[in-house]
Structures are given as structure tokens and as C-alpha cells.
Amino acid sequence: YDLLVSPENETTSPKNTYYSDKDTVLRTHMTAHDVELIKNGHTQFITIGDVYRRDSIDRTHYPIFHQVDGVKIFSEINLTFFWNIVC
């Protein structure tokens, strides 16, 4: 819920997830770390790591891959300044 993903979302489905045992799940996306970093006061960060999903292997899918997430939280003042520069 912290990432605003409903339990019914396909990304949370057990059929798309690898378990190393009945209690341990392999990371399905790097975004799982964002909430903890934001709660600890970080306003900009990059996370990089291996993720594991039960995908059918074809020319565009493989069950183990690298994912990079970048987050920057803007204050309202900074966002207004940035918007004025871009527009």
C-alpha cells in the first residue's frame, strides 16, 4: 500500500514471484526500497539491483534482470521554478 499498488495488481501476484523457500521472496522490483529511503528523509536517490520475475523467456523477456530507479522529490517552490524554466 505504501507504493499505492493495490493487492489485486498483477505485479503483486504470487505467480509472477520467485520464492527461495516458503518464507523468503526474491526481489521483484527495486521500487520496494523507495518507501524506506523516503521515510528516512532522502529526497533524491538511485537504486540499482537484480530483480527476479517469473517471465516466460523470449527475445524481450528474461526472469532475472537489472533495474534502475531514480527518485527526486521536489518542493513546491523548486517545482514551480523548474516548470517556469521548461515552459
N, C-alpha and C. Protein backbone atom coordinates (compact mmCIF):
# COMPACT_ATOMS: atom_id res chain seq x y z
N TYR A 1 0.81 -1.20 0.00
CA TYR A 1 0.00 0.00 0.00
C TYR A 1 0.85 1.26 0.00
N ASP A 2 2.04 1.22 0.59
CA ASP A 2 2.89 2.40 0.63
C ASP A 2 3.26 2.90 -0.75
N LEU A 3 3.31 2.00 -1.72
CA LEU A 3 3.66 2.38 -3.10
C LEU A 3 2.43 2.63 -3.95
N LEU A 4 1.26 2.67 -3.32
CA LEU A 4 -0.02 2.90 -4.00
C LEU A 4 -0.31 1.83 -5.05
N VAL A 5 0.08 0.59 -4.75
CA VAL A 5 -0.21 -0.55 -5.61
C VAL A 5 -1.21 -1.43 -4.87
N SER A 6 -2.34 -1.66 -5.51
CA SER A 6 -3.38 -2.45 -4.85
C SER A 6 -2.97 -3.92 -4.80
N PRO A 7 -3.47 -4.66 -3.82
CA PRO A 7 -3.15 -6.09 -3.73
C PRO A 7 -3.60 -6.88 -4.96
N GLU A 8 -4.55 -6.35 -5.73
CA GLU A 8 -5.05 -7.03 -6.92
C GLU A 8 -4.16 -6.78 -8.15
N ASN A 9 -3.21 -5.86 -8.06
CA ASN A 9 -2.35 -5.53 -9.19
C ASN A 9 -1.54 -6.75 -9.61
N GLU A 10 -1.39 -6.93 -10.90
CA GLU A 10 -0.67 -8.09 -11.46
C GLU A 10 0.76 -8.19 -10.93
N THR A 11 1.38 -7.05 -10.61
CA THR A 11 2.77 -7.08 -10.13
C THR A 11 2.91 -7.71 -8.76
N THR A 12 1.81 -7.85 -8.03
CA THR A 12 1.87 -8.47 -6.70
C THR A 12 1.45 -9.93 -6.72
N SER A 13 1.16 -10.45 -7.87
CA SER A 13 0.67 -11.82 -8.00
C SER A 13 1.77 -12.83 -7.65
N PRO A 14 1.46 -13.82 -6.80
CA PRO A 14 2.45 -14.86 -6.48
C PRO A 14 2.92 -15.64 -7.70
N LYS A 15 2.09 -15.71 -8.74
CA LYS A 15 2.50 -16.46 -9.93
C LYS A 15 3.64 -15.76 -10.69
N ASN A 16 3.89 -14.49 -10.38
CA ASN A 16 4.98 -13.74 -11.02
C ASN A 16 6.21 -13.63 -10.13
N THR A 17 6.23 -14.35 -9.02
CA THR A 17 7.25 -14.17 -8.00
C THR A 17 8.03 -15.46 -7.75
N TYR A 18 9.32 -15.32 -7.52
CA TYR A 18 10.17 -16.45 -7.14
C TYR A 18 10.34 -16.47 -5.62
N TYR A 19 10.20 -17.64 -5.05
CA TYR A 19 10.44 -17.84 -3.63
C TYR A 19 11.62 -18.77 -3.47
N SER A 20 12.57 -18.43 -2.59
CA SER A 20 13.68 -19.35 -2.34
C SER A 20 13.29 -20.40 -1.31
N ASP A 21 12.31 -20.07 -0.47
CA ASP A 21 11.67 -21.03 0.43
C ASP A 21 10.29 -20.46 0.77
N LYS A 22 9.55 -21.10 1.65
CA LYS A 22 8.17 -20.66 1.90
C LYS A 22 8.07 -19.28 2.55
N ASP A 23 9.17 -18.79 3.14
CA ASP A 23 9.15 -17.50 3.82
C ASP A 23 9.98 -16.40 3.15
N THR A 24 10.71 -16.74 2.10
CA THR A 24 11.64 -15.77 1.51
C THR A 24 11.32 -15.56 0.04
N VAL A 25 11.02 -14.32 -0.31
CA VAL A 25 10.71 -13.96 -1.69
C VAL A 25 11.91 -13.22 -2.28
N LEU A 26 12.22 -13.48 -3.54
CA LEU A 26 13.27 -12.74 -4.23
C LEU A 26 12.67 -11.42 -4.72
N ARG A 27 13.47 -10.38 -4.71
CA ARG A 27 13.00 -9.03 -5.05
C ARG A 27 12.44 -8.99 -6.47
N THR A 28 11.20 -8.49 -6.61
CA THR A 28 10.56 -8.40 -7.93
C THR A 28 10.72 -7.03 -8.57
N HIS A 29 11.12 -6.03 -7.79
CA HIS A 29 11.37 -4.69 -8.34
C HIS A 29 12.17 -3.88 -7.33
N MET A 30 12.92 -2.91 -7.81
CA MET A 30 13.73 -2.07 -6.92
C MET A 30 12.88 -1.05 -6.17
N THR A 31 11.71 -0.75 -6.67
CA THR A 31 10.85 0.25 -6.07
C THR A 31 10.52 -0.09 -4.62
N ALA A 32 10.64 -1.36 -4.25
CA ALA A 32 10.36 -1.77 -2.87
C ALA A 32 11.21 -0.99 -1.86
N HIS A 33 12.34 -0.48 -2.27
CA HIS A 33 13.23 0.24 -1.35
C HIS A 33 12.89 1.72 -1.23
N ASP A 34 12.09 2.26 -2.14
CA ASP A 34 11.83 3.70 -2.18
C ASP A 34 11.17 4.21 -0.90
N VAL A 35 10.16 3.51 -0.40
CA VAL A 35 9.41 3.99 0.77
C VAL A 35 10.33 4.14 1.97
N GLU A 36 11.18 3.15 2.22
CA GLU A 36 12.10 3.23 3.37
C GLU A 36 13.05 4.41 3.22
N LEU A 37 13.59 4.62 2.04
CA LEU A 37 14.51 5.73 1.82
C LEU A 37 13.82 7.08 2.00
N ILE A 38 12.60 7.20 1.49
CA ILE A 38 11.85 8.46 1.66
C ILE A 38 11.51 8.69 3.13
N LYS A 39 11.08 7.65 3.83
CA LYS A 39 10.77 7.79 5.26
C LYS A 39 12.00 8.18 6.08
N ASN A 40 13.18 7.80 5.61
CA ASN A 40 14.43 8.16 6.29
C ASN A 40 14.94 9.54 5.89
N GLY A 41 14.14 10.29 5.11
CA GLY A 41 14.46 11.67 4.81
C GLY A 41 15.21 11.91 3.51
N HIS A 42 15.47 10.89 2.75
CA HIS A 42 16.17 11.07 1.47
C HIS A 42 15.21 11.69 0.46
N THR A 43 15.68 12.70 -0.27
CA THR A 43 14.83 13.36 -1.27
C THR A 43 15.31 13.11 -2.69
N GLN A 44 16.48 12.50 -2.84
CA GLN A 44 16.93 12.10 -4.17
C GLN A 44 17.87 10.91 -4.02
N PHE A 45 17.63 9.92 -4.85
CA PHE A 45 18.46 8.71 -4.78
C PHE A 45 18.26 7.87 -6.02
N ILE A 46 19.20 6.97 -6.23
CA ILE A 46 19.13 5.98 -7.30
C ILE A 46 19.32 4.62 -6.66
N THR A 47 18.48 3.67 -7.03
CA THR A 47 18.67 2.28 -6.57
C THR A 47 18.92 1.42 -7.79
N ILE A 48 19.86 0.51 -7.66
CA ILE A 48 20.25 -0.38 -8.75
C ILE A 48 20.35 -1.78 -8.18
N GLY A 49 19.79 -2.76 -8.87
CA GLY A 49 19.92 -4.11 -8.37
C GLY A 49 19.31 -5.14 -9.30
N ASP A 50 19.57 -6.39 -8.98
CA ASP A 50 18.97 -7.51 -9.70
C ASP A 50 17.54 -7.71 -9.22
N VAL A 51 16.65 -8.01 -10.14
CA VAL A 51 15.28 -8.35 -9.79
C VAL A 51 14.92 -9.66 -10.48
N TYR A 52 13.94 -10.35 -9.91
CA TYR A 52 13.59 -11.70 -10.36
C TYR A 52 12.08 -11.79 -10.56
N ARG A 53 11.67 -12.20 -11.75
CA ARG A 53 10.25 -12.38 -12.04
C ARG A 53 10.04 -13.64 -12.84
N ARG A 54 8.92 -14.25 -12.64
CA ARG A 54 8.56 -15.47 -13.39
C ARG A 54 8.02 -15.08 -14.76
N ASP A 55 8.90 -14.64 -15.63
CA ASP A 55 8.52 -14.31 -17.00
C ASP A 55 8.87 -15.47 -17.92
N SER A 56 8.07 -15.64 -18.95
CA SER A 56 8.42 -16.60 -19.99
C SER A 56 9.60 -16.02 -20.76
N ILE A 57 10.59 -16.85 -21.00
CA ILE A 57 11.78 -16.38 -21.70
C ILE A 57 11.46 -16.28 -23.20
N ASP A 58 11.68 -15.11 -23.75
CA ASP A 58 11.60 -14.88 -25.18
C ASP A 58 12.59 -13.78 -25.53
N ARG A 59 12.51 -13.23 -26.72
CA ARG A 59 13.53 -12.25 -27.13
C ARG A 59 13.43 -10.93 -26.36
N THR A 60 12.33 -10.67 -25.65
CA THR A 60 12.20 -9.43 -24.89
C THR A 60 12.05 -9.64 -23.39
N HIS A 61 12.03 -10.88 -22.93
CA HIS A 61 11.84 -11.16 -21.50
C HIS A 61 12.84 -12.20 -21.01
N TYR A 62 13.30 -11.97 -19.79
CA TYR A 62 14.16 -12.92 -19.10
C TYR A 62 13.84 -12.79 -17.63
N PRO A 63 13.84 -13.85 -16.85
CA PRO A 63 13.37 -13.78 -15.47
C PRO A 63 14.29 -13.07 -14.49
N ILE A 64 15.54 -12.82 -14.87
CA ILE A 64 16.47 -12.11 -14.00
C ILE A 64 17.04 -10.94 -14.79
N PHE A 65 16.92 -9.74 -14.24
CA PHE A 65 17.45 -8.57 -14.95
C PHE A 65 17.82 -7.49 -13.95
N HIS A 66 18.47 -6.45 -14.45
CA HIS A 66 18.86 -5.31 -13.62
C HIS A 66 17.80 -4.23 -13.76
N GLN A 67 17.52 -3.56 -12.65
CA GLN A 67 16.57 -2.45 -12.68
C GLN A 67 17.21 -1.26 -12.01
N VAL A 68 16.98 -0.09 -12.57
CA VAL A 68 17.47 1.17 -12.01
C VAL A 68 16.25 2.05 -11.75
N ASP A 69 16.13 2.56 -10.53
CA ASP A 69 15.09 3.52 -10.19
C ASP A 69 15.75 4.81 -9.77
N GLY A 70 15.25 5.93 -10.26
CA GLY A 70 15.72 7.24 -9.83
C GLY A 70 14.57 8.03 -9.24
N VAL A 71 14.81 8.63 -8.09
CA VAL A 71 13.77 9.41 -7.41
C VAL A 71 14.33 10.77 -7.06
N LYS A 72 13.56 11.82 -7.33
CA LYS A 72 13.87 13.17 -6.87
C LYS A 72 12.56 13.78 -6.42
N ILE A 73 12.51 14.20 -5.17
CA ILE A 73 11.31 14.82 -4.62
C ILE A 73 11.53 16.32 -4.64
N PHE A 74 10.66 17.02 -5.35
CA PHE A 74 10.75 18.47 -5.47
C PHE A 74 9.86 19.14 -4.44
N SER A 75 10.32 20.24 -3.88
CA SER A 75 9.42 21.06 -3.07
C SER A 75 8.54 21.84 -4.03
N GLU A 76 7.46 22.40 -3.54
CA GLU A 76 6.56 23.16 -4.41
C GLU A 76 7.29 24.35 -5.04
N ILE A 77 8.16 24.99 -4.28
CA ILE A 77 8.92 26.14 -4.81
C ILE A 77 9.86 25.69 -5.92
N ASN A 78 10.61 24.60 -5.70
CA ASN A 78 11.52 24.11 -6.72
C ASN A 78 10.78 23.64 -7.96
N LEU A 79 9.64 23.00 -7.77
CA LEU A 79 8.86 22.51 -8.90
C LEU A 79 8.35 23.67 -9.75
N THR A 80 7.88 24.74 -9.10
CA THR A 80 7.42 25.93 -9.82
C THR A 80 8.56 26.56 -10.60
N PHE A 81 9.74 26.66 -9.98
CA PHE A 81 10.92 27.22 -10.64
C PHE A 81 11.30 26.37 -11.85
N PHE A 82 11.34 25.04 -11.67
CA PHE A 82 11.68 24.13 -12.75
C PHE A 82 10.66 24.24 -13.88
N TRP A 83 9.37 24.30 -13.54
CA TRP A 83 8.32 24.39 -14.55
C TRP A 83 8.46 25.67 -15.37
N ASN A 84 8.80 26.78 -14.71
CA ASN A 84 8.97 28.06 -15.41
C ASN A 84 10.16 28.02 -16.38
N ILE A 85 11.20 27.29 -16.05
CA ILE A 85 12.35 27.16 -16.93
C ILE A 85 12.01 26.32 -18.15
N VAL A 86 11.32 25.20 -17.92
CA VAL A 86 10.99 24.27 -19.01
C VAL A 86 9.96 24.87 -19.96
N CYS A 87 8.99 25.55 -19.40
CA CYS A 87 7.91 26.10 -20.25
C CYS A 87 8.29 27.44 -20.70
